[in-house]
């Protein structure tokens, strides 16, 4: 999916409310990870959200795609 797989990094952090995953990719691959009209990013978020337990008190899961613009 990406042209620079060695540059892909996933960092996890946790708060009282959610698990946060930050996806860092090479700047040239950001468009590939986001996809047209955000379809790939949406699919990735769906997969990550699927990791959430079905228990009622489970934390939400957030996926942040770092686009290196800030």
N, C-alpha and C. Protein backbone atom coordinates (compact mmCIF):
# COMPACT_ATOMS: atom_id res chain seq x y z
N UNK A 1 0.81 -1.19 0.00
CA UNK A 1 0.00 0.00 0.00
C UNK A 1 0.86 1.26 0.00
N UNK A 2 1.95 1.27 0.77
CA UNK A 2 2.84 2.43 0.81
C UNK A 2 4.13 2.11 0.07
N UNK A 3 4.79 3.15 -0.42
CA UNK A 3 6.04 2.95 -1.14
C UNK A 3 7.25 2.98 -0.21
N UNK A 4 7.04 3.46 1.02
CA UNK A 4 8.13 3.56 2.00
C UNK A 4 7.71 2.83 3.28
N UNK A 5 7.63 1.50 3.26
CA UNK A 5 7.16 0.77 4.45
C UNK A 5 8.06 0.91 5.67
N UNK A 6 9.34 1.19 5.45
CA UNK A 6 10.25 1.35 6.59
C UNK A 6 9.96 2.62 7.38
N UNK A 7 9.22 3.56 6.79
CA UNK A 7 8.90 4.82 7.45
C UNK A 7 7.59 4.75 8.23
N UNK A 8 6.89 3.64 8.16
CA UNK A 8 5.60 3.52 8.85
C UNK A 8 5.83 3.24 10.34
N UNK A 9 5.19 4.04 11.17
CA UNK A 9 5.29 3.88 12.62
C UNK A 9 3.89 4.03 13.22
N UNK A 10 3.59 3.22 14.21
CA UNK A 10 2.33 3.34 14.94
C UNK A 10 2.67 3.53 16.41
N UNK A 11 2.12 4.59 16.98
CA UNK A 11 2.34 4.90 18.38
C UNK A 11 1.01 4.84 19.10
N UNK A 12 0.99 4.18 20.24
CA UNK A 12 -0.25 4.06 21.01
C UNK A 12 -0.15 4.86 22.30
N UNK A 13 -1.24 5.51 22.66
CA UNK A 13 -1.35 6.14 23.97
C UNK A 13 -2.76 5.88 24.48
N UNK A 14 -2.95 6.08 25.77
CA UNK A 14 -4.24 5.76 26.37
C UNK A 14 -4.64 6.85 27.35
N UNK A 15 -5.92 7.20 27.33
CA UNK A 15 -6.48 8.12 28.32
C UNK A 15 -7.59 7.38 29.06
N UNK A 16 -8.27 8.07 29.93
CA UNK A 16 -9.39 7.45 30.64
C UNK A 16 -10.53 7.10 29.70
N UNK A 17 -10.62 7.79 28.56
CA UNK A 17 -11.76 7.62 27.66
C UNK A 17 -11.47 6.81 26.42
N UNK A 18 -10.23 6.80 25.94
CA UNK A 18 -9.97 6.11 24.68
C UNK A 18 -8.52 5.66 24.53
N UNK A 19 -8.32 4.75 23.58
CA UNK A 19 -7.00 4.34 23.12
C UNK A 19 -6.74 5.16 21.86
N UNK A 20 -5.57 5.75 21.75
CA UNK A 20 -5.24 6.58 20.60
C UNK A 20 -4.06 5.96 19.87
N UNK A 21 -4.23 5.76 18.57
CA UNK A 21 -3.16 5.23 17.73
C UNK A 21 -2.80 6.31 16.72
N UNK A 22 -1.51 6.65 16.66
CA UNK A 22 -1.02 7.64 15.70
C UNK A 22 -0.23 6.90 14.64
N UNK A 23 -0.65 7.06 13.40
CA UNK A 23 0.00 6.42 12.26
C UNK A 23 0.87 7.46 11.56
N UNK A 24 2.18 7.24 11.59
CA UNK A 24 3.14 8.10 10.89
C UNK A 24 3.60 7.38 9.64
N UNK A 25 3.57 8.09 8.52
CA UNK A 25 4.05 7.54 7.26
C UNK A 25 4.94 8.56 6.58
N UNK A 26 5.68 8.11 5.60
CA UNK A 26 6.52 9.00 4.79
C UNK A 26 5.61 10.04 4.14
N UNK A 27 6.05 11.30 4.06
CA UNK A 27 5.21 12.35 3.45
C UNK A 27 4.70 11.99 2.05
N UNK A 28 5.47 11.25 1.29
CA UNK A 28 5.04 10.87 -0.06
C UNK A 28 3.91 9.84 -0.04
N UNK A 29 3.70 9.18 1.09
CA UNK A 29 2.68 8.14 1.20
C UNK A 29 1.39 8.60 1.86
N UNK A 30 1.35 9.83 2.34
CA UNK A 30 0.16 10.31 3.05
C UNK A 30 -1.08 10.20 2.17
N UNK A 31 -0.99 10.60 0.92
CA UNK A 31 -2.13 10.52 0.01
C UNK A 31 -2.60 9.09 -0.20
N UNK A 32 -1.67 8.15 -0.25
CA UNK A 32 -2.04 6.75 -0.42
C UNK A 32 -2.79 6.23 0.81
N UNK A 33 -2.37 6.66 1.99
CA UNK A 33 -2.99 6.19 3.22
C UNK A 33 -4.38 6.82 3.41
N UNK A 34 -4.52 8.06 3.01
CA UNK A 34 -5.82 8.73 3.13
C UNK A 34 -6.76 8.26 2.02
N UNK A 35 -6.26 8.13 0.81
CA UNK A 35 -7.08 7.64 -0.30
C UNK A 35 -7.99 8.71 -0.88
N UNK A 36 -8.59 8.38 -2.00
CA UNK A 36 -9.52 9.31 -2.64
C UNK A 36 -10.74 9.51 -1.76
N UNK A 37 -11.04 10.77 -1.54
CA UNK A 37 -12.19 11.16 -0.71
C UNK A 37 -12.14 10.51 0.67
N UNK A 38 -10.94 10.15 1.11
CA UNK A 38 -10.77 9.60 2.45
C UNK A 38 -11.24 8.17 2.63
N UNK A 39 -11.47 7.45 1.54
CA UNK A 39 -12.00 6.08 1.65
C UNK A 39 -11.04 5.12 2.35
N UNK A 40 -9.76 5.20 2.06
CA UNK A 40 -8.80 4.29 2.70
C UNK A 40 -8.69 4.62 4.19
N UNK A 41 -8.61 5.91 4.51
CA UNK A 41 -8.53 6.31 5.91
C UNK A 41 -9.78 5.86 6.67
N UNK A 42 -10.93 5.99 6.05
CA UNK A 42 -12.17 5.56 6.67
C UNK A 42 -12.16 4.05 6.93
N UNK A 43 -11.67 3.29 5.96
CA UNK A 43 -11.59 1.83 6.13
C UNK A 43 -10.61 1.47 7.25
N UNK A 44 -9.48 2.17 7.32
CA UNK A 44 -8.52 1.91 8.40
C UNK A 44 -9.14 2.20 9.76
N UNK A 45 -9.88 3.31 9.84
CA UNK A 45 -10.54 3.65 11.10
C UNK A 45 -11.58 2.60 11.49
N UNK A 46 -12.28 2.06 10.51
CA UNK A 46 -13.26 1.01 10.78
C UNK A 46 -12.58 -0.23 11.35
N UNK A 47 -11.45 -0.60 10.78
CA UNK A 47 -10.70 -1.76 11.28
C UNK A 47 -10.22 -1.51 12.71
N UNK A 48 -9.68 -0.32 12.94
CA UNK A 48 -9.18 0.00 14.28
C UNK A 48 -10.34 0.02 15.28
N UNK A 49 -11.46 0.60 14.90
CA UNK A 49 -12.63 0.62 15.79
C UNK A 49 -13.13 -0.80 16.06
N UNK A 50 -12.96 -1.70 15.11
CA UNK A 50 -13.36 -3.09 15.30
C UNK A 50 -12.54 -3.79 16.37
N UNK A 51 -11.40 -3.23 16.71
CA UNK A 51 -10.56 -3.80 17.76
C UNK A 51 -11.20 -3.58 19.14
N UNK A 52 -12.12 -2.67 19.19
CA UNK A 52 -12.77 -2.33 20.46
C UNK A 52 -13.60 -3.51 20.95
N UNK A 53 -13.53 -3.74 22.21
CA UNK A 53 -14.29 -4.84 22.80
C UNK A 53 -15.78 -4.54 22.74
N UNK A 54 -16.59 -5.55 22.72
CA UNK A 54 -18.04 -5.37 22.69
C UNK A 54 -18.62 -5.09 24.07
N UNK A 55 -17.78 -5.06 25.07
CA UNK A 55 -18.27 -4.76 26.42
C UNK A 55 -18.73 -3.31 26.50
N UNK A 56 -19.78 -3.02 27.25
CA UNK A 56 -20.34 -1.66 27.29
C UNK A 56 -19.40 -0.61 27.85
N UNK A 57 -18.47 -0.98 28.70
CA UNK A 57 -17.58 0.00 29.32
C UNK A 57 -16.22 0.10 28.62
N UNK A 58 -16.11 -0.47 27.44
CA UNK A 58 -14.81 -0.44 26.76
C UNK A 58 -14.52 0.97 26.24
N UNK A 59 -13.26 1.26 26.12
CA UNK A 59 -12.84 2.59 25.66
C UNK A 59 -12.98 2.69 24.15
N UNK A 60 -13.19 3.91 23.69
CA UNK A 60 -13.22 4.15 22.26
C UNK A 60 -11.81 4.06 21.71
N UNK A 61 -11.70 3.84 20.42
CA UNK A 61 -10.41 3.76 19.75
C UNK A 61 -10.34 4.87 18.73
N UNK A 62 -9.25 5.61 18.73
CA UNK A 62 -9.05 6.69 17.77
C UNK A 62 -7.80 6.42 16.94
N UNK A 63 -7.92 6.68 15.65
CA UNK A 63 -6.77 6.57 14.75
C UNK A 63 -6.48 7.95 14.20
N UNK A 64 -5.25 8.41 14.38
CA UNK A 64 -4.81 9.70 13.86
C UNK A 64 -3.75 9.43 12.81
N UNK A 65 -3.96 9.97 11.61
CA UNK A 65 -2.97 9.83 10.54
C UNK A 65 -2.16 11.11 10.52
N UNK A 66 -0.88 11.01 10.86
CA UNK A 66 -0.01 12.18 10.93
C UNK A 66 0.41 12.57 9.53
N UNK A 67 -0.05 13.75 9.10
CA UNK A 67 0.26 14.19 7.74
C UNK A 67 1.49 15.09 7.67
N UNK A 68 2.14 15.33 8.80
CA UNK A 68 3.40 16.11 8.87
C UNK A 68 3.24 17.54 8.37
N UNK A 69 2.03 18.07 8.36
CA UNK A 69 1.83 19.46 7.93
C UNK A 69 1.93 20.43 9.08
N UNK A 70 1.90 19.93 10.32
CA UNK A 70 1.91 20.84 11.46
C UNK A 70 3.18 20.71 12.25
